[in-house]
Every structure is written in structure tokens, then in C-alpha cells.
Amino acid sequence: MITALNTTEPKIIPLCGQSDLIPNSGICAAVGDQQIAIFFLPDETPQVYAIDNWDPIGKANVLARGIVGDVDGRLVVASPLYKQHFDLITGECLEDDQVSVATYSVTLLANQVQLSL
């Protein structure tokens, strides 16, 4: 018996150009009704990270305006509202393990940030 393999390719959505990014900072991109915070960290591997822009504690779309940094070896963004830190890889809130934000798979390819769904 031959079983068909799932050959569904991920959907690739171009978000912005590399020239739109601000080193060591975030920008916001709209994908439908969703706001995604994109962070460009040129000295890291990978260089781009994406999480929800919605701060679940502050109840506002502000995470792209947060300050990026490192807390105990974890890349984070500090919310500009109440200063909670969200891990850029896992989405976990460092101050409250019951709170998190969605993370997204993004790549920087040919000077374009691409979202994989």
C-alpha cells in the first residue's frame, strides 16, 4: 500500500523589506486583522523575531515599541506599559508564567522579512 505524504507547503507572506527594520528595535506589521511585532537584532542568529504586538497585561497593541534586551541569557522585549518581559523565542512572560504571547516563524531572505504560516 502506498501512503500519500502531506506535501502542503507552508504559506509564505512577505511582511516588509530589510530597509524597513530598525536595528535592535521593533516595528509593527499588519497581517489581516492581526498585528505582529517584528524585532531586528542584527548581532543575533537568527536576526529577526516576531511575536504578537498585543500586550495581554497592558491590554494594548504596544509590544513593537518595547525595549529589546537580554534577561539571564534570554532575548526579550520589555512592554512599554508595565515593563513585563516577553521572551522573543517562546513568547513566555518572565514575570508571570501564566501569561504568554504568540510567536511567529519569520525569516530574512533576500532583504525581505517573510512570515511562514
PDB file of N, CA and C in Angstrom:
ATOM      1  N   MET A   1       0.839  -1.167   0.000  1.00  0.00           N
ATOM      2  CA  MET A   1       0.000   0.000   0.000  1.00  0.00           C
ATOM      3  C   MET A   1       0.888   1.235   0.000  1.00  0.00           C
ATOM      4  N   ILE A   2       0.566   2.211  -0.807  1.00  0.00           N
ATOM      5  CA  ILE A   2       1.312   3.459  -0.876  1.00  0.00           C
ATOM      6  C   ILE A   2       0.506   4.527  -0.150  1.00  0.00           C
ATOM      7  N   THR A   3       1.157   5.195   0.775  1.00  0.00           N
ATOM      8  CA  THR A   3       0.509   6.267   1.524  1.00  0.00           C
ATOM      9  C   THR A   3       0.993   7.600   0.985  1.00  0.00           C
ATOM     10  N   ALA A   4       0.055   8.464   0.672  1.00  0.00           N
ATOM     11  CA  ALA A   4       0.420   9.788   0.174  1.00  0.00           C
ATOM     12  C   ALA A   4       0.996  10.627   1.312  1.00  0.00           C
ATOM     13  N   LEU A   5       2.075  11.295   1.028  1.00  0.00           N
ATOM     14  CA  LEU A   5       2.681  12.183   2.005  1.00  0.00           C
ATOM     15  C   LEU A   5       1.997  13.535   1.948  1.00  0.00           C
ATOM     16  N   ASN A   6       1.920  14.193   3.084  1.00  0.00           N
ATOM     17  CA  ASN A   6       1.372  15.539   3.127  1.00  0.00           C
ATOM     18  C   ASN A   6       2.416  16.478   2.539  1.00  0.00           C
ATOM     19  N   THR A   7       2.155  17.014   1.379  1.00  0.00           N
ATOM     20  CA  THR A   7       3.113  17.888   0.711  1.00  0.00           C
ATOM     21  C   THR A   7       2.677  19.345   0.777  1.00  0.00           C
ATOM     22  N   THR A   8       1.840  19.660   1.722  1.00  0.00           N
ATOM     23  CA  THR A   8       1.391  21.033   1.863  1.00  0.00           C
ATOM     24  C   THR A   8       2.572  21.910   2.271  1.00  0.00           C
ATOM     25  N   GLU A   9       2.874  22.859   1.440  1.00  0.00           N
ATOM     26  CA  GLU A   9       3.958  23.794   1.727  1.00  0.00           C
ATOM     27  C   GLU A   9       3.440  24.879   2.675  1.00  0.00           C
ATOM     28  N   PRO A  10       4.288  25.379   3.537  1.00  0.00           N
ATOM     29  CA  PRO A  10       3.844  26.488   4.385  1.00  0.00           C
ATOM     30  C   PRO A  10       3.543  27.717   3.524  1.00  0.00           C
ATOM     31  N   LYS A  11       2.576  28.488   3.963  1.00  0.00           N
ATOM     32  CA  LYS A  11       2.237  29.715   3.259  1.00  0.00           C
ATOM     33  C   LYS A  11       3.242  30.786   3.667  1.00  0.00           C
ATOM     34  N   ILE A  12       3.844  31.442   2.685  1.00  0.00           N
ATOM     35  CA  ILE A  12       4.828  32.482   2.927  1.00  0.00           C
ATOM     36  C   ILE A  12       4.181  33.834   2.645  1.00  0.00           C
ATOM     37  N   ILE A  13       4.252  34.727   3.623  1.00  0.00           N
ATOM     38  CA  ILE A  13       3.685  36.058   3.471  1.00  0.00           C
ATOM     39  C   ILE A  13       4.811  37.076   3.639  1.00  0.00           C
ATOM     40  N   PRO A  14       5.078  37.894   2.608  1.00  0.00           N
ATOM     41  CA  PRO A  14       6.082  38.948   2.780  1.00  0.00           C
ATOM     42  C   PRO A  14       5.542  40.027   3.719  1.00  0.00           C
ATOM     43  N   LEU A  15       6.333  40.402   4.719  1.00  0.00           N
ATOM     44  CA  LEU A  15       5.888  41.398   5.692  1.00  0.00           C
ATOM     45  C   LEU A  15       6.458  42.785   5.431  1.00  0.00           C
ATOM     46  N   CYS A  16       7.753  42.848   5.156  1.00  0.00           N
ATOM     47  CA  CYS A  16       8.399  44.139   4.927  1.00  0.00           C
ATOM     48  C   CYS A  16       9.786  43.896   4.361  1.00  0.00           C
ATOM     49  N   GLY A  17      10.431  44.957   3.949  1.00  0.00           N
ATOM     50  CA  GLY A  17      11.805  44.867   3.485  1.00  0.00           C
ATOM     51  C   GLY A  17      12.776  45.077   4.626  1.00  0.00           C
ATOM     52  N   GLN A  18      13.995  44.616   4.457  1.00  0.00           N
ATOM     53  CA  GLN A  18      15.005  44.802   5.499  1.00  0.00           C
ATOM     54  C   GLN A  18      15.234  46.283   5.767  1.00  0.00           C
ATOM     55  N   SER A  19      15.079  47.121   4.745  1.00  0.00           N
ATOM     56  CA  SER A  19      15.277  48.564   4.924  1.00  0.00           C
ATOM     57  C   SER A  19      14.211  49.184   5.832  1.00  0.00           C
ATOM     58  N   ASP A  20      13.090  48.480   6.042  1.00  0.00           N
ATOM     59  CA  ASP A  20      12.051  48.967   6.953  1.00  0.00           C
ATOM     60  C   ASP A  20      12.386  48.687   8.414  1.00  0.00           C
ATOM     61  N   LEU A  21      13.327  47.796   8.652  1.00  0.00           N
ATOM     62  CA  LEU A  21      13.678  47.388  10.014  1.00  0.00           C
ATOM     63  C   LEU A  21      14.613  48.394  10.673  1.00  0.00           C
ATOM     64  N   ILE A  22      14.497  48.484  11.985  1.00  0.00           N
ATOM     65  CA  ILE A  22      15.361  49.358  12.788  1.00  0.00           C
ATOM     66  C   ILE A  22      16.214  48.443  13.663  1.00  0.00           C
ATOM     67  N   PRO A  23      17.544  48.517  13.515  1.00  0.00           N
ATOM     68  CA  PRO A  23      18.398  47.627  14.304  1.00  0.00           C
ATOM     69  C   PRO A  23      18.122  47.744  15.804  1.00  0.00           C
ATOM     70  N   ASN A  24      18.033  46.569  16.450  1.00  0.00           N
ATOM     71  CA  ASN A  24      17.832  46.457  17.898  1.00  0.00           C
ATOM     72  C   ASN A  24      16.548  47.128  18.373  1.00  0.00           C
ATOM     73  N   SER A  25      15.527  47.030  17.534  1.00  0.00           N
ATOM     74  CA  SER A  25      14.242  47.639  17.844  1.00  0.00           C
ATOM     75  C   SER A  25      13.138  46.858  17.134  1.00  0.00           C
ATOM     76  N   GLY A  26      11.900  47.298  17.337  1.00  0.00           N
ATOM     77  CA  GLY A  26      10.767  46.618  16.731  1.00  0.00           C
ATOM     78  C   GLY A  26       9.955  47.519  15.824  1.00  0.00           C
ATOM     79  N   ILE A  27       9.216  46.885  14.923  1.00  0.00           N
ATOM     80  CA  ILE A  27       8.221  47.560  14.093  1.00  0.00           C
ATOM     81  C   ILE A  27       6.973  46.691  14.117  1.00  0.00           C
ATOM     82  N   CYS A  28       5.867  47.248  13.679  1.00  0.00           N
ATOM     83  CA  CYS A  28       4.612  46.507  13.656  1.00  0.00           C
ATOM     84  C   CYS A  28       4.194  46.268  12.210  1.00  0.00           C
ATOM     85  N   ALA A  29       3.731  45.050  11.932  1.00  0.00           N
ATOM     86  CA  ALA A  29       3.194  44.708  10.612  1.00  0.00           C
ATOM     87  C   ALA A  29       1.781  44.177  10.797  1.00  0.00           C
ATOM     88  N   ALA A  30       0.895  44.550   9.892  1.00  0.00           N
ATOM     89  CA  ALA A  30      -0.485  44.062   9.932  1.00  0.00           C
ATOM     90  C   ALA A  30      -0.615  42.887   8.971  1.00  0.00           C
ATOM     91  N   VAL A  31      -1.170  41.795   9.483  1.00  0.00           N
ATOM     92  CA  VAL A  31      -1.472  40.623   8.668  1.00  0.00           C
ATOM     93  C   VAL A  31      -2.959  40.362   8.883  1.00  0.00           C
ATOM     94  N   GLY A  32      -3.765  40.826   7.939  1.00  0.00           N
ATOM     95  CA  GLY A  32      -5.207  40.779   8.138  1.00  0.00           C
ATOM     96  C   GLY A  32      -5.562  41.678   9.305  1.00  0.00           C
ATOM     97  N   ASP A  33      -6.297  41.142  10.269  1.00  0.00           N
ATOM     98  CA  ASP A  33      -6.665  41.899  11.469  1.00  0.00           C
ATOM     99  C   ASP A  33      -5.646  41.762  12.593  1.00  0.00           C
ATOM    100  N   GLN A  34      -4.607  40.979  12.365  1.00  0.00           N
ATOM    101  CA  GLN A  34      -3.595  40.694  13.387  1.00  0.00           C
ATOM    102  C   GLN A  34      -2.431  41.675  13.279  1.00  0.00           C
ATOM    103  N   GLN A  35      -1.943  42.154  14.415  1.00  0.00           N
ATOM    104  CA  GLN A  35      -0.735  42.972  14.461  1.00  0.00           C
ATOM    105  C   GLN A  35       0.413  42.121  14.976  1.00  0.00           C
ATOM    106  N   ILE A  36       1.517  42.133  14.233  1.00  0.00           N
ATOM    107  CA  ILE A  36       2.689  41.343  14.595  1.00  0.00           C
ATOM    108  C   ILE A  36       3.866  42.287  14.835  1.00  0.00           C
ATOM    109  N   ALA A  37       4.517  42.118  15.970  1.00  0.00           N
ATOM    110  CA  ALA A  37       5.714  42.894  16.298  1.00  0.00           C
ATOM    111  C   ALA A  37       6.929  42.148  15.757  1.00  0.00           C
ATOM    112  N   ILE A  38       7.707  42.831  14.936  1.00  0.00           N
ATOM    113  CA  ILE A  38       8.904  42.246  14.323  1.00  0.00           C
ATOM    114  C   ILE A  38      10.125  42.946  14.912  1.00  0.00           C
ATOM    115  N   PHE A  39      11.070  42.156  15.389  1.00  0.00           N
ATOM    116  CA  PHE A  39      12.273  42.706  16.011  1.00  0.00           C
ATOM    117  C   PHE A  39      13.495  42.306  15.188  1.00  0.00           C
ATOM    118  N   PHE A  40      14.339  43.283  14.906  1.00  0.00           N
ATOM    119  CA  PHE A  40      15.548  43.079  14.116  1.00  0.00           C
ATOM    120  C   PHE A  40      16.757  43.219  15.038  1.00  0.00           C
ATOM    121  N   LEU A  41      17.411  42.087  15.284  1.00  0.00           N
ATOM    122  CA  LEU A  41      18.598  42.040  16.140  1.00  0.00           C
ATOM    123  C   LEU A  41      19.772  41.564  15.289  1.00  0.00           C
ATOM    124  N   PRO A  42      20.456  42.490  14.611  1.00  0.00           N
ATOM    125  CA  PRO A  42      21.475  42.103  13.625  1.00  0.00           C
ATOM    126  C   PRO A  42      22.656  41.323  14.171  1.00  0.00           C
ATOM    127  N   ASP A  43      22.900  41.380  15.477  1.00  0.00           N
ATOM    128  CA  ASP A  43      24.031  40.648  16.064  1.00  0.00           C
ATOM    129  C   ASP A  43      23.645  39.266  16.562  1.00  0.00           C
ATOM    130  N   GLU A  44      22.377  38.867  16.381  1.00  0.00           N
ATOM    131  CA  GLU A  44      21.887  37.568  16.842  1.00  0.00           C
ATOM    132  C   GLU A  44      21.677  36.625  15.667  1.00  0.00           C
ATOM    133  N   THR A  45      21.504  35.351  15.976  1.00  0.00           N
ATOM    134  CA  THR A  45      21.153  34.345  14.973  1.00  0.00           C
ATOM    135  C   THR A  45      19.963  33.570  15.493  1.00  0.00           C
ATOM    136  N   PRO A  46      18.818  33.643  14.818  1.00  0.00           N
ATOM    137  CA  PRO A  46      18.524  34.443  13.629  1.00  0.00           C
ATOM    138  C   PRO A  46      18.460  35.932  13.965  1.00  0.00           C
ATOM    139  N   GLN A  47      18.348  36.748  12.929  1.00  0.00           N
ATOM    140  CA  GLN A  47      18.342  38.194  13.122  1.00  0.00           C
ATOM    141  C   GLN A  47      16.951  38.780  13.327  1.00  0.00           C
ATOM    142  N   VAL A  48      15.899  38.067  12.931  1.00  0.00           N
ATOM    143  CA  VAL A  48      14.540  38.592  13.076  1.00  0.00           C
ATOM    144  C   VAL A  48      13.693  37.658  13.933  1.00  0.00           C
ATOM    145  N   TYR A  49      12.812  38.262  14.728  1.00  0.00           N
ATOM    146  CA  TYR A  49      11.904  37.556  15.630  1.00  0.00           C
ATOM    147  C   TYR A  49      10.539  38.214  15.504  1.00  0.00           C
ATOM    148  N   ALA A  50       9.485  37.440  15.715  1.00  0.00           N
ATOM    149  CA  ALA A  50       8.141  38.006  15.614  1.00  0.00           C
ATOM    150  C   ALA A  50       7.233  37.415  16.693  1.00  0.00           C
ATOM    151  N   ILE A  51       6.505  38.310  17.347  1.00  0.00           N
ATOM    152  CA  ILE A  51       5.530  37.934  18.373  1.00  0.00           C
ATOM    153  C   ILE A  51       4.280  38.780  18.157  1.00  0.00           C
ATOM    154  N   ASP A  52       3.203  38.440  18.864  1.00  0.00           N
ATOM    155  CA  ASP A  52       2.023  39.301  18.849  1.00  0.00           C
ATOM    156  C   ASP A  52       2.416  40.696  19.310  1.00  0.00           C
ATOM    157  N   ASN A  53       1.793  41.699  18.729  1.00  0.00           N
ATOM    158  CA  ASN A  53       2.004  43.066  19.178  1.00  0.00           C
ATOM    159  C   ASN A  53       1.144  43.369  20.407  1.00  0.00           C
ATOM    160  N   TRP A  54       0.122  42.537  20.664  1.00  0.00           N
ATOM    161  CA  TRP A  54      -0.811  42.734  21.766  1.00  0.00           C
ATOM    162  C   TRP A  54      -0.168  42.383  23.094  1.00  0.00           C
ATOM    163  N   ASP A  55      -0.132  43.343  24.007  1.00  0.00           N
ATOM    164  CA  ASP A  55       0.349  43.115  25.366  1.00  0.00           C
ATOM    165  C   ASP A  55      -0.842  42.621  26.184  1.00  0.00           C
ATOM    166  N   PRO A  56      -0.853  41.349  26.591  1.00  0.00           N
ATOM    167  CA  PRO A  56      -2.011  40.807  27.301  1.00  0.00           C
ATOM    168  C   PRO A  56      -2.186  41.363  28.709  1.00  0.00           C
ATOM    169  N   ILE A  57      -1.165  41.969  29.270  1.00  0.00           N
ATOM    170  CA  ILE A  57      -1.266  42.562  30.605  1.00  0.00           C
ATOM    171  C   ILE A  57      -1.721  44.015  30.494  1.00  0.00           C
ATOM    172  N   GLY A  58      -1.114  44.770  29.603  1.00  0.00           N
ATOM    173  CA  GLY A  58      -1.479  46.165  29.410  1.00  0.00           C
ATOM    174  C   GLY A  58      -2.711  46.360  28.544  1.00  0.00           C
ATOM    175  N   LYS A  59      -3.143  45.280  27.871  1.00  0.00           N
ATOM    176  CA  LYS A  59      -4.344  45.303  27.018  1.00  0.00           C
ATOM    177  C   LYS A  59      -4.261  46.350  25.905  1.00  0.00           C
ATOM    178  N   ALA A  60      -3.104  46.375  25.204  1.00  0.00           N
ATOM    179  CA  ALA A  60      -2.914  47.307  24.099  1.00  0.00           C
ATOM    180  C   ALA A  60      -1.894  46.738  23.112  1.00  0.00           C
ATOM    181  N   ASN A  61      -1.971  47.178  21.874  1.00  0.00           N
ATOM    182  CA  ASN A  61      -1.013  46.775  20.841  1.00  0.00           C
ATOM    183  C   ASN A  61       0.213  47.680  20.934  1.00  0.00           C
ATOM    184  N   VAL A  62       1.197  47.262  21.748  1.00  0.00           N
ATOM    185  CA  VAL A  62       2.354  48.125  22.010  1.00  0.00           C
ATOM    186  C   VAL A  62       3.695  47.399  22.039  1.00  0.00           C
ATOM    187  N   LEU A  63       3.728  46.089  21.937  1.00  0.00           N
ATOM    188  CA  LEU A  63       4.995  45.379  22.156  1.00  0.00           C
ATOM    189  C   LEU A  63       6.076  45.757  21.153  1.00  0.00           C
ATOM    190  N   ALA A  64       5.701  46.141  19.932  1.00  0.00           N
ATOM    191  CA  ALA A  64       6.703  46.556  18.948  1.00  0.00           C
ATOM    192  C   ALA A  64       7.468  47.788  19.416  1.00  0.00           C
ATOM    193  N   ARG A  65       6.891  48.551  20.344  1.00  0.00           N
ATOM    194  CA  ARG A  65       7.539  49.765  20.861  1.00  0.00           C
ATOM    195  C   ARG A  65       8.373  49.494  22.106  1.00  0.00           C
ATOM    196  N   GLY A  66       8.435  48.233  22.529  1.00  0.00           N
ATOM    197  CA  GLY A  66       9.181  47.893  23.730  1.00  0.00           C
ATOM    198  C   GLY A  66      10.680  47.914  23.510  1.00  0.00           C
ATOM    199  N   ILE A  67      11.395  47.816  24.601  1.00  0.00           N
ATOM    200  CA  ILE A  67      12.860  47.799  24.564  1.00  0.00           C
ATOM    201  C   ILE A  67      13.334  46.357  24.536  1.00  0.00           C
ATOM    202  N   VAL A  68      14.188  46.026  23.565  1.00  0.00           N
ATOM    203  CA  VAL A  68      14.719  44.666  23.478  1.00  0.00           C
ATOM    204  C   VAL A  68      15.982  44.560  24.323  1.00  0.00           C
ATOM    205  N   GLY A  69      16.202  43.353  24.812  1.00  0.00           N
ATOM    206  CA  GLY A  69      17.381  43.133  25.634  1.00  0.00           C
ATOM    207  C   GLY A  69      17.568  41.669  25.937  1.00  0.00           C
ATOM    208  N   ASP A  70      18.342  41.414  26.959  1.00  0.00           N
ATOM    209  CA  ASP A  70      18.703  40.068  27.373  1.00  0.00           C
ATOM    210  C   ASP A  70      18.468  39.972  28.878  1.00  0.00           C
ATOM    211  N   VAL A  71      17.699  38.994  29.293  1.00  0.00           N
ATOM    212  CA  VAL A  71      17.495  38.731  30.711  1.00  0.00           C
ATOM    213  C   VAL A  71      17.910  37.289  30.965  1.00  0.00           C
ATOM    214  N   ASP A  72      18.980  37.100  31.718  1.00  0.00           N
ATOM    215  CA  ASP A  72      19.504  35.770  32.033  1.00  0.00           C
ATOM    216  C   ASP A  72      19.712  34.921  30.779  1.00  0.00           C
ATOM    217  N   GLY A  73      20.255  35.536  29.733  1.00  0.00           N
ATOM    218  CA  GLY A  73      20.551  34.817  28.501  1.00  0.00           C
ATOM    219  C   GLY A  73      19.375  34.639  27.554  1.00  0.00           C
ATOM    220  N   ARG A  74      18.234  35.202  27.877  1.00  0.00           N
ATOM    221  CA  ARG A  74      17.044  35.092  27.026  1.00  0.00           C
ATOM    222  C   ARG A  74      16.794  36.422  26.328  1.00  0.00           C
ATOM    223  N   LEU A  75      16.568  36.357  25.008  1.00  0.00           N
ATOM    224  CA  LEU A  75      16.228  37.564  24.262  1.00  0.00           C
ATOM    225  C   LEU A  75      14.791  37.941  24.591  1.00  0.00           C
ATOM    226  N   VAL A  76      14.583  39.186  24.987  1.00  0.00           N
ATOM    227  CA  VAL A  76      13.267  39.623  25.442  1.00  0.00           C
ATOM    228  C   VAL A  76      12.942  41.002  24.905  1.00  0.00           C
ATOM    229  N   VAL A  77      11.642  41.324  24.979  1.00  0.00           N
ATOM    230  CA  VAL A  77      11.182  42.693  24.800  1.00  0.00           C
ATOM    231  C   VAL A  77      10.444  43.066  26.081  1.00  0.00           C
ATOM    232  N   ALA A  78      10.720  44.276  26.589  1.00  0.00           N
ATOM    233  CA  ALA A  78      10.031  44.784  27.772  1.00  0.00           C
ATOM    234  C   ALA A  78       8.846  45.615  27.294  1.00  0.00           C
ATOM    235  N   SER A  79       7.664  45.284  27.766  1.00  0.00           N
ATOM    236  CA  SER A  79       6.487  46.045  27.391  1.00  0.00           C
ATOM    237  C   SER A  79       6.667  47.496  27.809  1.00  0.00           C
ATOM    238  N   PRO A  80       6.295  48.450  26.932  1.00  0.00           N
ATOM    239  CA  PRO A  80       6.422  49.854  27.318  1.00  0.00           C
ATOM    240  C   PRO A  80       5.381  50.285  28.357  1.00  0.00           C
ATOM    241  N   LEU A  81       4.397  49.438  28.650  1.00  0.00           N
ATOM    242  CA  LEU A  81       3.365  49.823  29.610  1.00  0.00           C
ATOM    243  C   LEU A  81       3.748  49.488  31.040  1.00  0.00           C
ATOM    244  N   TYR A  82       3.819  48.193  31.369  1.00  0.00           N
ATOM    245  CA  TYR A  82       4.097  47.798  32.748  1.00  0.00           C
ATOM    246  C   TYR A  82       5.443  47.095  32.904  1.00  0.00           C
ATOM    247  N   LYS A  83       6.214  47.056  31.827  1.00  0.00           N
ATOM    248  CA  LYS A  83       7.611  46.575  31.830  1.00  0.00           C
ATOM    249  C   LYS A  83       7.793  45.070  31.982  1.00  0.00           C
ATOM    250  N   GLN A  84       6.722  44.264  31.797  1.00  0.00           N
ATOM    251  CA  GLN A  84       6.926  42.816  31.796  1.00  0.00           C
ATOM    252  C   GLN A  84       7.793  42.447  30.594  1.00  0.00           C
ATOM    253  N   HIS A  85       8.589  41.398  30.762  1.00  0.00           N
ATOM    254  CA  HIS A  85       9.489  40.935  29.714  1.00  0.00           C
ATOM    255  C   HIS A  85       8.881  39.720  29.024  1.00  0.00           C
ATOM    256  N   PHE A  86       8.839  39.755  27.690  1.00  0.00           N
ATOM    257  CA  PHE A  86       8.344  38.632  26.900  1.00  0.00           C
ATOM    258  C   PHE A  86       9.496  38.044  26.096  1.00  0.00           C
ATOM    259  N   ASP A  87       9.692  36.741  26.223  1.00  0.00           N
ATOM    260  CA  ASP A  87      10.748  36.015  25.518  1.00  0.00           C
ATOM    261  C   ASP A  87      10.446  36.044  24.022  1.00  0.00           C
ATOM    262  N   LEU A  88      11.414  36.470  23.213  1.00  0.00           N
ATOM    263  CA  LEU A  88      11.195  36.585  21.770  1.00  0.00           C
ATOM    264  C   LEU A  88      11.149  35.234  21.066  1.00  0.00           C
ATOM    265  N   ILE A  89      11.613  34.182  21.710  1.00  0.00           N
ATOM    266  CA  ILE A  89      11.594  32.851  21.092  1.00  0.00           C
ATOM    267  C   ILE A  89      10.355  32.069  21.507  1.00  0.00           C
ATOM    268  N   THR A  90      10.013  32.107  22.791  1.00  0.00           N
ATOM    269  CA  THR A  90       8.894  31.298  23.283  1.00  0.00           C
ATOM    270  C   THR A  90       7.604  32.086  23.485  1.00  0.00           C
ATOM    271  N   GLY A  91       7.704  33.408  23.623  1.00  0.00           N
ATOM    272  CA  GLY A  91       6.535  34.235  23.909  1.00  0.00           C
ATOM    273  C   GLY A  91       6.185  34.301  25.388  1.00  0.00           C
ATOM    274  N   GLU A  92       6.895  33.563  26.226  1.00  0.00           N
ATOM    275  CA  GLU A  92       6.600  33.491  27.657  1.00  0.00           C
ATOM    276  C   GLU A  92       6.881  34.822  28.356  1.00  0.00           C
ATOM    277  N   CYS A  93       6.013  35.190  29.284  1.00  0.00           N
ATOM    278  CA  CYS A  93       6.236  36.350  30.144  1.00  0.00           C
ATOM    279  C   CYS A  93       7.136  35.904  31.294  1.00  0.00           C
ATOM    280  N   LEU A  94       8.268  36.553  31.475  1.00  0.00           N
ATOM    281  CA  LEU A  94       9.217  36.137  32.500  1.00  0.00           C
ATOM    282  C   LEU A  94       8.702  36.394  33.910  1.00  0.00           C
ATOM    283  N   GLU A  95       7.854  37.396  34.079  1.00  0.00           N
ATOM    284  CA  GLU A  95       7.362  37.726  35.406  1.00  0.00           C
ATOM    285  C   GLU A  95       6.110  36.940  35.806  1.00  0.00           C
ATOM    286  N   ASP A  96       5.423  36.339  34.826  1.00  0.00           N
ATOM    287  CA  ASP A  96       4.186  35.603  35.104  1.00  0.00           C
ATOM    288  C   ASP A  96       4.082  34.440  34.132  1.00  0.00           C
ATOM    289  N   ASP A  97       4.417  33.231  34.579  1.00  0.00           N
ATOM    290  CA  ASP A  97       4.437  32.075  33.676  1.00  0.00           C
ATOM    291  C   ASP A  97       3.047  31.640  33.210  1.00  0.00           C
ATOM    292  N   GLN A  98       2.007  32.293  33.694  1.00  0.00           N
ATOM    293  CA  GLN A  98       0.641  32.011  33.223  1.00  0.00           C
ATOM    294  C   GLN A  98       0.277  32.869  32.006  1.00  0.00           C
ATOM    295  N   VAL A  99       1.151  33.790  31.630  1.00  0.00           N
ATOM    296  CA  VAL A  99       0.889  34.730  30.540  1.00  0.00           C
ATOM    297  C   VAL A  99       1.926  34.516  29.439  1.00  0.00           C
ATOM    298  N   SER A 100       1.465  34.563  28.194  1.00  0.00           N
ATOM    299  CA  SER A 100       2.387  34.474  27.056  1.00  0.00           C
ATOM    300  C   SER A 100       1.752  35.142  25.845  1.00  0.00           C
ATOM    301  N   VAL A 101       2.561  35.353  24.834  1.00  0.00           N
ATOM    302  CA  VAL A 101       2.088  35.868  23.555  1.00  0.00           C
ATOM    303  C   VAL A 101       2.485  34.869  22.476  1.00  0.00           C
ATOM    304  N   ALA A 102       1.776  34.908  21.372  1.00  0.00           N
ATOM    305  CA  ALA A 102       2.098  34.014  20.254  1.00  0.00           C
ATOM    306  C   ALA A 102       3.413  34.439  19.609  1.00  0.00           C
ATOM    307  N   THR A 103       4.148  33.457  19.136  1.00  0.00           N
ATOM    308  CA  THR A 103       5.362  33.714  18.373  1.00  0.00           C
ATOM    309  C   THR A 103       5.115  33.269  16.938  1.00  0.00           C
ATOM    310  N   TYR A 104       5.886  33.824  16.020  1.00  0.00           N
ATOM    311  CA  TYR A 104       5.705  33.519  14.609  1.00  0.00           C
ATOM    312  C   TYR A 104       7.037  33.168  13.973  1.00  0.00           C
ATOM    313  N   SER A 105       6.995  32.296  12.993  1.00  0.00           N
ATOM    314  CA  SER A 105       8.189  31.906  12.253  1.00  0.00           C
ATOM    315  C   SER A 105       8.440  32.929  11.158  1.00  0.00           C
ATOM    316  N   VAL A 106       9.536  33.668  11.284  1.00  0.00           N
ATOM    317  CA  VAL A 106       9.910  34.659  10.281  1.00  0.00           C
ATOM    318  C   VAL A 106      11.349  34.423   9.853  1.00  0.00           C
ATOM    319  N   THR A 107      11.636  34.798   8.629  1.00  0.00           N
ATOM    320  CA  THR A 107      12.997  34.706   8.105  1.00  0.00           C
ATOM    321  C   THR A 107      13.316  35.977   7.348  1.00  0.00           C
ATOM    322  N   LEU A 108      14.588  36.267   7.262  1.00  0.00           N
ATOM    323  CA  LEU A 108      15.080  37.377   6.461  1.00  0.00           C
ATOM    324  C   LEU A 108      15.745  36.753   5.244  1.00  0.00           C
ATOM    325  N   LEU A 109      15.097  36.897   4.097  1.00  0.00           N
ATOM    326  CA  LEU A 109      15.576  36.255   2.877  1.00  0.00           C
ATOM    327  C   LEU A 109      15.563  37.278   1.746  1.00  0.00           C
ATOM    328  N   ALA A 110      16.701  37.455   1.114  1.00  0.00           N
ATOM    329  CA  ALA A 110      16.833  38.389   0.000  1.00  0.00           C
ATOM    330  C   ALA A 110      16.313  39.773   0.385  1.00  0.00           C
ATOM    331  N   ASN A 111      16.728  40.240   1.560  1.00  0.00           N
ATOM    332  CA  ASN A 111      16.356  41.566   2.064  1.00  0.00           C
ATOM    333  C   ASN A 111      14.863  41.748   2.287  1.00  0.00           C
ATOM    334  N   GLN A 112      14.167  40.655   2.535  1.00  0.00           N
ATOM    335  CA  GLN A 112      12.727  40.705   2.800  1.00  0.00           C
ATOM    336  C   GLN A 112      12.402  39.834   4.009  1.00  0.00           C
ATOM    337  N   VAL A 113      11.571  40.364   4.912  1.00  0.00           N
ATOM    338  CA  VAL A 113      11.101  39.586   6.058  1.00  0.00           C
ATOM    339  C   VAL A 113       9.882  38.821   5.607  1.00  0.00           C
ATOM    340  N   GLN A 114       9.934  37.496   5.807  1.00  0.00           N
ATOM    341  CA  GLN A 114       8.853  36.622   5.372  1.00  0.00           C
ATOM    342  C   GLN A 114       8.297  35.853   6.561  1.00  0.00           C
ATOM    343  N   LEU A 115       6.971  35.803   6.630  1.00  0.00           N
ATOM    344  CA  LEU A 115       6.255  35.070   7.652  1.00  0.00           C
ATOM    345  C   LEU A 115       5.837  33.719   7.080  1.00  0.00           C
ATOM    346  N   SER A 116       6.086  32.649   7.835  1.00  0.00           N
ATOM    347  CA  SER A 116       5.659  31.306   7.410  1.00  0.00           C
ATOM    348  C   SER A 116       4.477  30.888   8.259  1.00  0.00           C
ATOM    349  N   LEU A 117       3.379  30.535   7.590  1.00  0.00           N
ATOM    350  CA  LEU A 117       2.197  30.041   8.293  1.00  0.00           C
ATOM    351  C   LEU A 117       1.975  28.578   7.992  1.00  0.00           C
TER     352      LEU A 117
END
